Amino acid sequence: MGSFRSQPLDTTKAAAPPETASSASPAPLEAPGGPASPEQRRTSNNCWSCRVLSGSGLIGAGGYVYWLARKPMKLGYPSSPGTVMQMVIGICIACWGVVILSDPKGKAFRVV
């Protein structure tokens, strides 16, 4: 499935060399998406700028959702269950941003 553009075109095929001796326990393969070393894993866990950017973005998005739900109520329209649910969702999104910013369990600075 797919097109030739999404797959690399390999016109030359090389013959695989024959295995001379097979071992009883082959070497374990590393996960392609996993970190290469523990130090690299530690560096990706304590990215303060990433937490500030995503946390403040979520707080802003939650505030915007809440503000959009509150706007008709300020104009005098009666609230409906949908409006109340939108306000609750906005508050939840903003709280999620606060949790990302505060890092309550200290996961960003844990030494492995």
PDB file of N, CA and C in Angstrom:
ATOM      1  N   MET A   1       0.833  -1.169   0.000  1.00  0.00           N
ATOM      2  CA  MET A   1       0.000   0.000   0.000  1.00  0.00           C
ATOM      3  C   MET A   1       0.886   1.243   0.000  1.00  0.00           C
ATOM      4  N   GLY A   2       0.327   2.319  -0.444  1.00  0.00           N
ATOM      5  CA  GLY A   2       1.102   3.540  -0.481  1.00  0.00           C
ATOM      6  C   GLY A   2       1.677   3.774  -1.851  1.00  0.00           C
ATOM      7  N   SER A   3       2.419   4.816  -1.959  1.00  0.00           N
ATOM      8  CA  SER A   3       3.007   5.147  -3.245  1.00  0.00           C
ATOM      9  C   SER A   3       4.515   4.984  -3.173  1.00  0.00           C
ATOM     10  N   PHE A   4       5.132   5.087  -4.336  1.00  0.00           N
ATOM     11  CA  PHE A   4       6.577   4.977  -4.376  1.00  0.00           C
ATOM     12  C   PHE A   4       7.251   6.192  -3.761  1.00  0.00           C
ATOM     13  N   ARG A   5       6.556   7.304  -3.694  1.00  0.00           N
ATOM     14  CA  ARG A   5       7.152   8.505  -3.125  1.00  0.00           C
ATOM     15  C   ARG A   5       7.329   8.396  -1.617  1.00  0.00           C
ATOM     16  N   SER A   6       6.459   7.625  -0.955  1.00  0.00           N
ATOM     17  CA  SER A   6       6.569   7.515   0.492  1.00  0.00           C
ATOM     18  C   SER A   6       7.610   6.491   0.918  1.00  0.00           C
ATOM     19  N   GLN A   7       8.071   5.665  -0.016  1.00  0.00           N
ATOM     20  CA  GLN A   7       9.052   4.645   0.306  1.00  0.00           C
ATOM     21  C   GLN A   7      10.353   4.940  -0.435  1.00  0.00           C
ATOM     22  N   PRO A   8      11.488   4.713   0.217  1.00  0.00           N
ATOM     23  CA  PRO A   8      12.752   4.973  -0.475  1.00  0.00           C
ATOM     24  C   PRO A   8      12.963   3.969  -1.612  1.00  0.00           C
ATOM     25  N   LEU A   9      13.530   4.448  -2.680  1.00  0.00           N
ATOM     26  CA  LEU A   9      13.777   3.613  -3.841  1.00  0.00           C
ATOM     27  C   LEU A   9      15.185   3.049  -3.739  1.00  0.00           C
ATOM     28  N   ASP A  10      15.283   1.728  -3.609  1.00  0.00           N
ATOM     29  CA  ASP A  10      16.566   1.064  -3.497  1.00  0.00           C
ATOM     30  C   ASP A  10      16.700   0.122  -4.686  1.00  0.00           C
ATOM     31  N   THR A  11      17.472   0.526  -5.694  1.00  0.00           N
ATOM     32  CA  THR A  11      17.594  -0.278  -6.907  1.00  0.00           C
ATOM     33  C   THR A  11      18.685  -1.320  -6.796  1.00  0.00           C
ATOM     34  N   THR A  12      19.687  -1.106  -5.942  1.00  0.00           N
ATOM     35  CA  THR A  12      20.779  -2.063  -5.823  1.00  0.00           C
ATOM     36  C   THR A  12      20.516  -2.990  -4.659  1.00  0.00           C
ATOM     37  N   LYS A  13      20.559  -4.253  -4.932  1.00  0.00           N
ATOM     38  CA  LYS A  13      20.360  -5.259  -3.891  1.00  0.00           C
ATOM     39  C   LYS A  13      21.687  -5.966  -3.666  1.00  0.00           C
ATOM     40  N   ALA A  14      22.119  -6.013  -2.419  1.00  0.00           N
ATOM     41  CA  ALA A  14      23.358  -6.689  -2.084  1.00  0.00           C
ATOM     42  C   ALA A  14      23.015  -8.024  -1.442  1.00  0.00           C
ATOM     43  N   ALA A  15      23.807  -9.036  -1.770  1.00  0.00           N
ATOM     44  CA  ALA A  15      23.585 -10.354  -1.195  1.00  0.00           C
ATOM     45  C   ALA A  15      24.084 -10.356   0.241  1.00  0.00           C
ATOM     46  N   ALA A  16      23.306 -10.958   1.115  1.00  0.00           N
ATOM     47  CA  ALA A  16      23.686 -11.026   2.519  1.00  0.00           C
ATOM     48  C   ALA A  16      24.755 -12.089   2.697  1.00  0.00           C
ATOM     49  N   PRO A  17      25.797 -11.795   3.487  1.00  0.00           N
ATOM     50  CA  PRO A  17      26.838 -12.800   3.707  1.00  0.00           C
ATOM     51  C   PRO A  17      26.277 -13.949   4.550  1.00  0.00           C
ATOM     52  N   PRO A  18      26.718 -15.154   4.282  1.00  0.00           N
ATOM     53  CA  PRO A  18      26.223 -16.298   5.057  1.00  0.00           C
ATOM     54  C   PRO A  18      26.739 -16.236   6.495  1.00  0.00           C
ATOM     55  N   GLU A  19      25.902 -16.665   7.419  1.00  0.00           N
ATOM     56  CA  GLU A  19      26.307 -16.670   8.821  1.00  0.00           C
ATOM     57  C   GLU A  19      27.265 -17.839   9.053  1.00  0.00           C
ATOM     58  N   THR A  20      28.375 -17.558   9.697  1.00  0.00           N
ATOM     59  CA  THR A  20      29.365 -18.601   9.934  1.00  0.00           C
ATOM     60  C   THR A  20      29.057 -19.390  11.187  1.00  0.00           C
ATOM     61  N   ALA A  21      28.661 -18.689  12.243  1.00  0.00           N
ATOM     62  CA  ALA A  21      28.348 -19.387  13.482  1.00  0.00           C
ATOM     63  C   ALA A  21      27.157 -18.702  14.128  1.00  0.00           C
ATOM     64  N   SER A  22      26.148 -19.464  14.460  1.00  0.00           N
ATOM     65  CA  SER A  22      24.996 -18.861  15.123  1.00  0.00           C
ATOM     66  C   SER A  22      25.113 -19.109  16.621  1.00  0.00           C
ATOM     67  N   SER A  23      24.890 -18.087  17.385  1.00  0.00           N
ATOM     68  CA  SER A  23      25.000 -18.219  18.833  1.00  0.00           C
ATOM     69  C   SER A  23      23.655 -18.653  19.400  1.00  0.00           C
ATOM     70  N   ALA A  24      23.684 -19.231  20.573  1.00  0.00           N
ATOM     71  CA  ALA A  24      22.462 -19.718  21.202  1.00  0.00           C
ATOM     72  C   ALA A  24      21.596 -18.557  21.673  1.00  0.00           C
ATOM     73  N   SER A  25      22.228 -17.481  22.138  1.00  0.00           N
ATOM     74  CA  SER A  25      21.463 -16.319  22.596  1.00  0.00           C
ATOM     75  C   SER A  25      21.871 -15.116  21.751  1.00  0.00           C
ATOM     76  N   PRO A  26      21.003 -14.679  20.858  1.00  0.00           N
ATOM     77  CA  PRO A  26      21.340 -13.526  20.022  1.00  0.00           C
ATOM     78  C   PRO A  26      21.380 -12.250  20.863  1.00  0.00           C
ATOM     79  N   ALA A  27      22.091 -11.263  20.352  1.00  0.00           N
ATOM     80  CA  ALA A  27      22.214  -9.992  21.061  1.00  0.00           C
ATOM     81  C   ALA A  27      20.850  -9.309  21.092  1.00  0.00           C
ATOM     82  N   PRO A  28      20.472  -8.712  22.246  1.00  0.00           N
ATOM     83  CA  PRO A  28      19.176  -8.040  22.330  1.00  0.00           C
ATOM     84  C   PRO A  28      19.149  -6.782  21.464  1.00  0.00           C
ATOM     85  N   LEU A  29      18.025  -6.565  20.838  1.00  0.00           N
ATOM     86  CA  LEU A  29      17.864  -5.382  20.005  1.00  0.00           C
ATOM     87  C   LEU A  29      17.376  -4.223  20.857  1.00  0.00           C
ATOM     88  N   GLU A  30      17.879  -3.032  20.565  1.00  0.00           N
ATOM     89  CA  GLU A  30      17.455  -1.841  21.297  1.00  0.00           C
ATOM     90  C   GLU A  30      16.198  -1.285  20.649  1.00  0.00           C
ATOM     91  N   ALA A  31      15.360  -0.673  21.442  1.00  0.00           N
ATOM     92  CA  ALA A  31      14.144  -0.056  20.925  1.00  0.00           C
ATOM     93  C   ALA A  31      14.528   1.154  20.072  1.00  0.00           C
ATOM     94  N   PRO A  32      13.935   1.303  18.893  1.00  0.00           N
ATOM     95  CA  PRO A  32      14.327   2.416  18.028  1.00  0.00           C
ATOM     96  C   PRO A  32      13.953   3.782  18.593  1.00  0.00           C
ATOM     97  N   GLY A  33      12.901   3.881  19.390  1.00  0.00           N
ATOM     98  CA  GLY A  33      12.484   5.166  19.910  1.00  0.00           C
ATOM     99  C   GLY A  33      13.002   5.456  21.308  1.00  0.00           C
ATOM    100  N   GLY A  34      13.639   4.478  21.928  1.00  0.00           N
ATOM    101  CA  GLY A  34      14.099   4.635  23.299  1.00  0.00           C
ATOM    102  C   GLY A  34      15.370   5.452  23.396  1.00  0.00           C
ATOM    103  N   PRO A  35      15.647   6.019  24.570  1.00  0.00           N
ATOM    104  CA  PRO A  35      16.881   6.790  24.740  1.00  0.00           C
ATOM    105  C   PRO A  35      18.102   5.886  24.708  1.00  0.00           C
ATOM    106  N   ALA A  36      19.201   6.418  24.227  1.00  0.00           N
ATOM    107  CA  ALA A  36      20.410   5.625  24.066  1.00  0.00           C
ATOM    108  C   ALA A  36      21.136   5.414  25.388  1.00  0.00           C
ATOM    109  N   SER A  37      21.105   6.385  26.260  1.00  0.00           N
ATOM    110  CA  SER A  37      21.815   6.260  27.523  1.00  0.00           C
ATOM    111  C   SER A  37      20.974   6.859  28.643  1.00  0.00           C
ATOM    112  N   PRO A  38      21.292   6.521  29.912  1.00  0.00           N
ATOM    113  CA  PRO A  38      20.535   7.097  31.025  1.00  0.00           C
ATOM    114  C   PRO A  38      20.675   8.613  31.104  1.00  0.00           C
ATOM    115  N   GLU A  39      21.823   9.154  30.701  1.00  0.00           N
ATOM    116  CA  GLU A  39      21.999  10.604  30.753  1.00  0.00           C
ATOM    117  C   GLU A  39      21.079  11.305  29.764  1.00  0.00           C
ATOM    118  N   GLN A  40      20.891  10.715  28.591  1.00  0.00           N
ATOM    119  CA  GLN A  40      19.984  11.307  27.617  1.00  0.00           C
ATOM    120  C   GLN A  40      18.551  11.262  28.145  1.00  0.00           C
ATOM    121  N   ARG A  41      18.176  10.194  28.828  1.00  0.00           N
ATOM    122  CA  ARG A  41      16.841  10.085  29.392  1.00  0.00           C
ATOM    123  C   ARG A  41      16.640  11.139  30.473  1.00  0.00           C
ATOM    124  N   ARG A  42      17.632  11.380  31.306  1.00  0.00           N
ATOM    125  CA  ARG A  42      17.541  12.379  32.364  1.00  0.00           C
ATOM    126  C   ARG A  42      17.383  13.786  31.795  1.00  0.00           C
ATOM    127  N   THR A  43      18.065  14.068  30.697  1.00  0.00           N
ATOM    128  CA  THR A  43      17.987  15.382  30.086  1.00  0.00           C
ATOM    129  C   THR A  43      16.594  15.655  29.536  1.00  0.00           C
ATOM    130  N   SER A  44      15.943  14.653  28.984  1.00  0.00           N
ATOM    131  CA  SER A  44      14.622  14.880  28.411  1.00  0.00           C
ATOM    132  C   SER A  44      13.547  15.000  29.478  1.00  0.00           C
ATOM    133  N   ASN A  45      13.811  14.588  30.708  1.00  0.00           N
ATOM    134  CA  ASN A  45      12.805  14.666  31.761  1.00  0.00           C
ATOM    135  C   ASN A  45      12.774  16.015  32.461  1.00  0.00           C
ATOM    136  N   ASN A  46      13.805  16.804  32.417  1.00  0.00           N
ATOM    137  CA  ASN A  46      13.816  18.054  33.175  1.00  0.00           C
ATOM    138  C   ASN A  46      13.907  19.272  32.265  1.00  0.00           C
ATOM    139  N   CYS A  47      13.128  19.283  31.229  1.00  0.00           N
ATOM    140  CA  CYS A  47      13.126  20.400  30.289  1.00  0.00           C
ATOM    141  C   CYS A  47      12.201  21.482  30.830  1.00  0.00           C
ATOM    142  N   TRP A  48      12.771  22.449  31.529  1.00  0.00           N
ATOM    143  CA  TRP A  48      11.974  23.502  32.167  1.00  0.00           C
ATOM    144  C   TRP A  48      11.264  24.360  31.125  1.00  0.00           C
ATOM    145  N   SER A  49      11.953  24.694  30.049  1.00  0.00           N
ATOM    146  CA  SER A  49      11.325  25.544  29.034  1.00  0.00           C
ATOM    147  C   SER A  49      10.148  24.842  28.373  1.00  0.00           C
ATOM    148  N   CYS A  50      10.234  23.525  28.197  1.00  0.00           N
ATOM    149  CA  CYS A  50       9.108  22.781  27.618  1.00  0.00           C
ATOM    150  C   CYS A  50       7.915  22.805  28.561  1.00  0.00           C
ATOM    151  N   ARG A  51       8.161  22.648  29.857  1.00  0.00           N
ATOM    152  CA  ARG A  51       7.068  22.665  30.827  1.00  0.00           C
ATOM    153  C   ARG A  51       6.452  24.045  30.931  1.00  0.00           C
ATOM    154  N   VAL A  52       7.260  25.102  30.876  1.00  0.00           N
ATOM    155  CA  VAL A  52       6.719  26.464  30.948  1.00  0.00           C
ATOM    156  C   VAL A  52       5.869  26.747  29.713  1.00  0.00           C
ATOM    157  N   LEU A  53       6.361  26.366  28.550  1.00  0.00           N
ATOM    158  CA  LEU A  53       5.621  26.629  27.317  1.00  0.00           C
ATOM    159  C   LEU A  53       4.300  25.864  27.288  1.00  0.00           C
ATOM    160  N   SER A  54       4.339  24.572  27.579  1.00  0.00           N
ATOM    161  CA  SER A  54       3.105  23.792  27.510  1.00  0.00           C
ATOM    162  C   SER A  54       2.152  24.135  28.649  1.00  0.00           C
ATOM    163  N   GLY A  55       2.675  24.368  29.848  1.00  0.00           N
ATOM    164  CA  GLY A  55       1.814  24.718  30.975  1.00  0.00           C
ATOM    165  C   GLY A  55       1.123  26.046  30.783  1.00  0.00           C
ATOM    166  N   SER A  56       1.860  27.049  30.342  1.00  0.00           N
ATOM    167  CA  SER A  56       1.235  28.357  30.129  1.00  0.00           C
ATOM    168  C   SER A  56       0.284  28.323  28.937  1.00  0.00           C
ATOM    169  N   GLY A  57       0.588  27.516  27.941  1.00  0.00           N
ATOM    170  CA  GLY A  57      -0.333  27.361  26.813  1.00  0.00           C
ATOM    171  C   GLY A  57      -1.644  26.718  27.232  1.00  0.00           C
ATOM    172  N   LEU A  58      -1.565  25.712  28.097  1.00  0.00           N
ATOM    173  CA  LEU A  58      -2.789  25.076  28.583  1.00  0.00           C
ATOM    174  C   LEU A  58      -3.586  26.004  29.487  1.00  0.00           C
ATOM    175  N   ILE A  59      -2.912  26.793  30.297  1.00  0.00           N
ATOM    176  CA  ILE A  59      -3.626  27.758  31.147  1.00  0.00           C
ATOM    177  C   ILE A  59      -4.339  28.787  30.265  1.00  0.00           C
ATOM    178  N   GLY A  60      -3.660  29.265  29.235  1.00  0.00           N
ATOM    179  CA  GLY A  60      -4.281  30.216  28.323  1.00  0.00           C
ATOM    180  C   GLY A  60      -5.454  29.611  27.564  1.00  0.00           C
ATOM    181  N   ALA A  61      -5.306  28.365  27.119  1.00  0.00           N
ATOM    182  CA  ALA A  61      -6.397  27.711  26.397  1.00  0.00           C
ATOM    183  C   ALA A  61      -7.588  27.473  27.315  1.00  0.00           C
ATOM    184  N   GLY A  62      -7.329  27.061  28.554  1.00  0.00           N
ATOM    185  CA  GLY A  62      -8.414  26.868  29.504  1.00  0.00           C
ATOM    186  C   GLY A  62      -9.121  28.160  29.839  1.00  0.00           C
ATOM    187  N   GLY A  63      -8.354  29.243  29.985  1.00  0.00           N
ATOM    188  CA  GLY A  63      -8.957  30.546  30.240  1.00  0.00           C
ATOM    189  C   GLY A  63      -9.813  31.011  29.076  1.00  0.00           C
ATOM    190  N   TYR A  64      -9.367  30.739  27.866  1.00  0.00           N
ATOM    191  CA  TYR A  64     -10.121  31.135  26.684  1.00  0.00           C
ATOM    192  C   TYR A  64     -11.436  30.353  26.582  1.00  0.00           C
ATOM    193  N   VAL A  65     -11.387  29.038  26.835  1.00  0.00           N
ATOM    194  CA  VAL A  65     -12.599  28.220  26.794  1.00  0.00           C
ATOM    195  C   VAL A  65     -13.582  28.692  27.861  1.00  0.00           C
ATOM    196  N   TYR A  66     -13.069  28.976  29.052  1.00  0.00           N
ATOM    197  CA  TYR A  66     -13.922  29.464  30.138  1.00  0.00           C
ATOM    198  C   TYR A  66     -14.527  30.827  29.783  1.00  0.00           C
ATOM    199  N   TRP A  67     -13.723  31.703  29.214  1.00  0.00           N
ATOM    200  CA  TRP A  67     -14.184  33.044  28.853  1.00  0.00           C
ATOM    201  C   TRP A  67     -15.277  32.983  27.788  1.00  0.00           C
ATOM    202  N   LEU A  68     -15.117  32.079  26.801  1.00  0.00           N
ATOM    203  CA  LEU A  68     -16.142  31.937  25.773  1.00  0.00           C
ATOM    204  C   LEU A  68     -17.465  31.448  26.359  1.00  0.00           C
ATOM    205  N   ALA A  69     -17.408  30.594  27.372  1.00  0.00           N
ATOM    206  CA  ALA A  69     -18.640  30.116  27.996  1.00  0.00           C
ATOM    207  C   ALA A  69     -19.249  31.185  28.892  1.00  0.00           C
ATOM    208  N   ARG A  70     -18.441  32.004  29.480  1.00  0.00           N
ATOM    209  CA  ARG A  70     -18.923  33.029  30.431  1.00  0.00           C
ATOM    210  C   ARG A  70     -19.488  34.257  29.713  1.00  0.00           C
ATOM    211  N   LYS A  71     -19.041  34.499  28.496  1.00  0.00           N
ATOM    212  CA  LYS A  71     -19.423  35.702  27.757  1.00  0.00           C
ATOM    213  C   LYS A  71     -20.947  35.850  27.585  1.00  0.00           C
ATOM    214  N   PRO A  72     -21.698  34.824  27.148  1.00  0.00           N
ATOM    215  CA  PRO A  72     -23.147  34.999  27.021  1.00  0.00           C
ATOM    216  C   PRO A  72     -23.841  35.209  28.369  1.00  0.00           C
ATOM    217  N   MET A  73     -23.286  34.646  29.427  1.00  0.00           N
ATOM    218  CA  MET A  73     -23.893  34.820  30.748  1.00  0.00           C
ATOM    219  C   MET A  73     -23.778  36.267  31.197  1.00  0.00           C
ATOM    220  N   LYS A  74     -22.684  36.922  30.828  1.00  0.00           N
ATOM    221  CA  LYS A  74     -22.524  38.335  31.187  1.00  0.00           C
ATOM    222  C   LYS A  74     -23.508  39.220  30.429  1.00  0.00           C
ATOM    223  N   LEU A  75     -23.930  38.770  29.250  1.00  0.00           N
ATOM    224  CA  LEU A  75     -24.888  39.533  28.458  1.00  0.00           C
ATOM    225  C   LEU A  75     -26.327  39.326  28.930  1.00  0.00           C
ATOM    226  N   GLY A  76     -26.520  38.431  29.884  1.00  0.00           N
ATOM    227  CA  GLY A  76     -27.847  38.237  30.450  1.00  0.00           C
ATOM    228  C   GLY A  76     -28.573  37.001  29.980  1.00  0.00           C
ATOM    229  N   TYR A  77     -27.953  36.178  29.143  1.00  0.00           N
ATOM    230  CA  TYR A  77     -28.607  34.954  28.691  1.00  0.00           C
ATOM    231  C   TYR A  77     -28.572  33.923  29.820  1.00  0.00           C
ATOM    232  N   PRO A  78     -29.607  33.107  29.944  1.00  0.00           N
ATOM    233  CA  PRO A  78     -29.595  32.081  30.989  1.00  0.00           C
ATOM    234  C   PRO A  78     -28.572  30.989  30.649  1.00  0.00           C
ATOM    235  N   SER A  79     -28.018  30.397  31.682  1.00  0.00           N
ATOM    236  CA  SER A  79     -27.017  29.348  31.454  1.00  0.00           C
ATOM    237  C   SER A  79     -27.722  28.029  31.154  1.00  0.00           C
ATOM    238  N   SER A  80     -27.095  27.241  30.323  1.00  0.00           N
ATOM    239  CA  SER A  80     -27.610  25.916  29.970  1.00  0.00           C
ATOM    240  C   SER A  80     -26.607  24.873  30.447  1.00  0.00           C
ATOM    241  N   PRO A  81     -26.987  23.610  30.465  1.00  0.00           N
ATOM    242  CA  PRO A  81     -26.024  22.572  30.865  1.00  0.00           C
ATOM    243  C   PRO A  81     -24.784  22.548  29.973  1.00  0.00           C
ATOM    244  N   GLY A  82     -24.951  22.866  28.696  1.00  0.00           N
ATOM    245  CA  GLY A  82     -23.807  22.904  27.794  1.00  0.00           C
ATOM    246  C   GLY A  82     -22.826  24.011  28.144  1.00  0.00           C
ATOM    247  N   THR A  83     -23.356  25.154  28.553  1.00  0.00           N
ATOM    248  CA  THR A  83     -22.501  26.275  28.950  1.00  0.00           C
ATOM    249  C   THR A  83     -21.737  25.946  30.228  1.00  0.00           C
ATOM    250  N   VAL A  84     -22.429  25.331  31.165  1.00  0.00           N
ATOM    251  CA  VAL A  84     -21.773  24.943  32.420  1.00  0.00           C
ATOM    252  C   VAL A  84     -20.699  23.895  32.156  1.00  0.00           C
ATOM    253  N   MET A  85     -20.997  22.947  31.262  1.00  0.00           N
ATOM    254  CA  MET A  85     -20.005  21.919  30.925  1.00  0.00           C
ATOM    255  C   MET A  85     -18.799  22.543  30.237  1.00  0.00           C
ATOM    256  N   GLN A  86     -19.006  23.530  29.402  1.00  0.00           N
ATOM    257  CA  GLN A  86     -17.889  24.212  28.744  1.00  0.00           C
ATOM    258  C   GLN A  86     -17.022  24.943  29.772  1.00  0.00           C
ATOM    259  N   MET A  87     -17.646  25.533  30.768  1.00  0.00           N
ATOM    260  CA  MET A  87     -16.880  26.204  31.817  1.00  0.00           C
ATOM    261  C   MET A  87     -16.055  25.203  32.618  1.00  0.00           C
ATOM    262  N   VAL A  88     -16.649  24.040  32.913  1.00  0.00           N
ATOM    263  CA  VAL A  88     -15.931  23.002  33.657  1.00  0.00           C
ATOM    264  C   VAL A  88     -14.743  22.491  32.852  1.00  0.00           C
ATOM    265  N   ILE A  89     -14.932  22.289  31.562  1.00  0.00           N
ATOM    266  CA  ILE A  89     -13.835  21.822  30.711  1.00  0.00           C
ATOM    267  C   ILE A  89     -12.723  22.869  30.652  1.00  0.00           C
ATOM    268  N   GLY A  90     -13.087  24.144  30.572  1.00  0.00           N
ATOM    269  CA  GLY A  90     -12.074  25.209  30.573  1.00  0.00           C
ATOM    270  C   GLY A  90     -11.273  25.228  31.864  1.00  0.00           C
ATOM    271  N   ILE A  91     -11.957  25.050  32.983  1.00  0.00           N
ATOM    272  CA  ILE A  91     -11.257  25.012  34.277  1.00  0.00           C
ATOM    273  C   ILE A  91     -10.338  23.799  34.345  1.00  0.00           C
ATOM    274  N   CYS A  92     -10.791  22.656  33.824  1.00  0.00           N
ATOM    275  CA  CYS A  92      -9.958  21.441  33.839  1.00  0.00           C
ATOM    276  C   CYS A  92      -8.698  21.616  32.993  1.00  0.00           C
ATOM    277  N   ILE A  93      -8.834  22.233  31.834  1.00  0.00           N
ATOM    278  CA  ILE A  93      -7.664  22.458  30.977  1.00  0.00           C
ATOM    279  C   ILE A  93      -6.667  23.385  31.671  1.00  0.00           C
ATOM    280  N   ALA A  94      -7.177  24.427  32.326  1.00  0.00           N
ATOM    281  CA  ALA A  94      -6.288  25.358  33.034  1.00  0.00           C
ATOM    282  C   ALA A  94      -5.611  24.664  34.216  1.00  0.00           C
ATOM    283  N   CYS A  95      -6.339  23.811  34.929  1.00  0.00           N
ATOM    284  CA  CYS A  95      -5.732  23.071  36.047  1.00  0.00           C
ATOM    285  C   CYS A  95      -4.660  22.109  35.558  1.00  0.00           C
ATOM    286  N   TRP A  96      -4.857  21.516  34.405  1.00  0.00           N
ATOM    287  CA  TRP A  96      -3.846  20.639  33.820  1.00  0.00           C
ATOM    288  C   TRP A  96      -2.562  21.420  33.549  1.00  0.00           C
ATOM    289  N   GLY A  97      -2.703  22.643  33.070  1.00  0.00           N
ATOM    290  CA  GLY A  97      -1.528  23.492  32.856  1.00  0.00           C
ATOM    291  C   GLY A  97      -0.816  23.830  34.149  1.00  0.00           C
ATOM    292  N   VAL A  98      -1.572  24.068  35.228  1.00  0.00           N
ATOM    293  CA  VAL A  98      -0.958  24.353  36.534  1.00  0.00           C
ATOM    294  C   VAL A  98      -0.193  23.135  37.034  1.00  0.00           C
ATOM    295  N   VAL A  99      -0.745  21.948  36.834  1.00  0.00           N
ATOM    296  CA  VAL A  99      -0.057  20.724  37.258  1.00  0.00           C
ATOM    297  C   VAL A  99       1.244  20.543  36.489  1.00  0.00           C
ATOM    298  N   ILE A 100       1.238  20.827  35.205  1.00  0.00           N
ATOM    299  CA  ILE A 100       2.469  20.703  34.412  1.00  0.00           C
ATOM    300  C   ILE A 100       3.511  21.710  34.891  1.00  0.00           C
ATOM    301  N   LEU A 101       3.083  22.920  35.204  1.00  0.00           N
ATOM    302  CA  LEU A 101       4.028  23.941  35.674  1.00  0.00           C
ATOM    303  C   LEU A 101       4.575  23.624  37.060  1.00  0.00           C
ATOM    304  N   SER A 102       3.721  23.139  37.954  1.00  0.00           N
ATOM    305  CA  SER A 102       4.159  22.958  39.345  1.00  0.00           C
ATOM    306  C   SER A 102       4.950  21.680  39.553  1.00  0.00           C
ATOM    307  N   ASP A 103       4.722  20.639  38.740  1.00  0.00           N
ATOM    308  CA  ASP A 103       5.417  19.349  38.840  1.00  0.00           C
ATOM    309  C   ASP A 103       5.371  18.838  40.293  1.00  0.00           C
ATOM    310  N   PRO A 104       4.183  18.443  40.805  1.00  0.00           N
ATOM    311  CA  PRO A 104       4.017  18.143  42.219  1.00  0.00           C
ATOM    312  C   PRO A 104       4.823  16.960  42.738  1.00  0.00           C
ATOM    313  N   LYS A 105       5.069  15.944  41.926  1.00  0.00           N
ATOM    314  CA  LYS A 105       5.817  14.781  42.410  1.00  0.00           C
ATOM    315  C   LYS A 105       7.303  14.900  42.204  1.00  0.00           C
ATOM    316  N   GLY A 106       7.747  15.942  41.574  1.00  0.00           N
ATOM    317  CA  GLY A 106       9.192  16.143  41.363  1.00  0.00           C
ATOM    318  C   GLY A 106       9.761  15.216  40.319  1.00  0.00           C
ATOM    319  N   LYS A 107       8.947  14.783  39.377  1.00  0.00           N
ATOM    320  CA  LYS A 107       9.427  13.854  38.358  1.00  0.00           C
ATOM    321  C   LYS A 107      10.495  14.466  37.468  1.00  0.00           C
ATOM    322  N   ALA A 108      10.481  15.777  37.324  1.00  0.00           N
ATOM    323  CA  ALA A 108      11.435  16.411  36.412  1.00  0.00           C
ATOM    324  C   ALA A 108      12.846  16.404  36.976  1.00  0.00           C
ATOM    325  N   PHE A 109      13.006  16.281  38.265  1.00  0.00           N
ATOM    326  CA  PHE A 109      14.327  16.359  38.863  1.00  0.00           C
ATOM    327  C   PHE A 109      14.736  15.088  39.570  1.00  0.00           C
ATOM    328  N   ARG A 110      14.068  13.997  39.299  1.00  0.00           N
ATOM    329  CA  ARG A 110      14.401  12.723  39.944  1.00  0.00           C
ATOM    330  C   ARG A 110      15.709  12.193  39.384  1.00  0.00           C
ATOM    331  N   VAL A 111      16.583  11.728  40.250  1.00  0.00           N
ATOM    332  CA  VAL A 111      17.855  11.153  39.845  1.00  0.00           C
ATOM    333  C   VAL A 111      17.670   9.654  39.757  1.00  0.00           C
ATOM    334  N   VAL A 112      17.996   9.086  38.598  1.00  0.00           N
ATOM    335  CA  VAL A 112      17.783   7.650  38.390  1.00  0.00           C
ATOM    336  C   VAL A 112      19.033   6.902  38.743  1.00  0.00           C
TER     337      VAL A 112
END
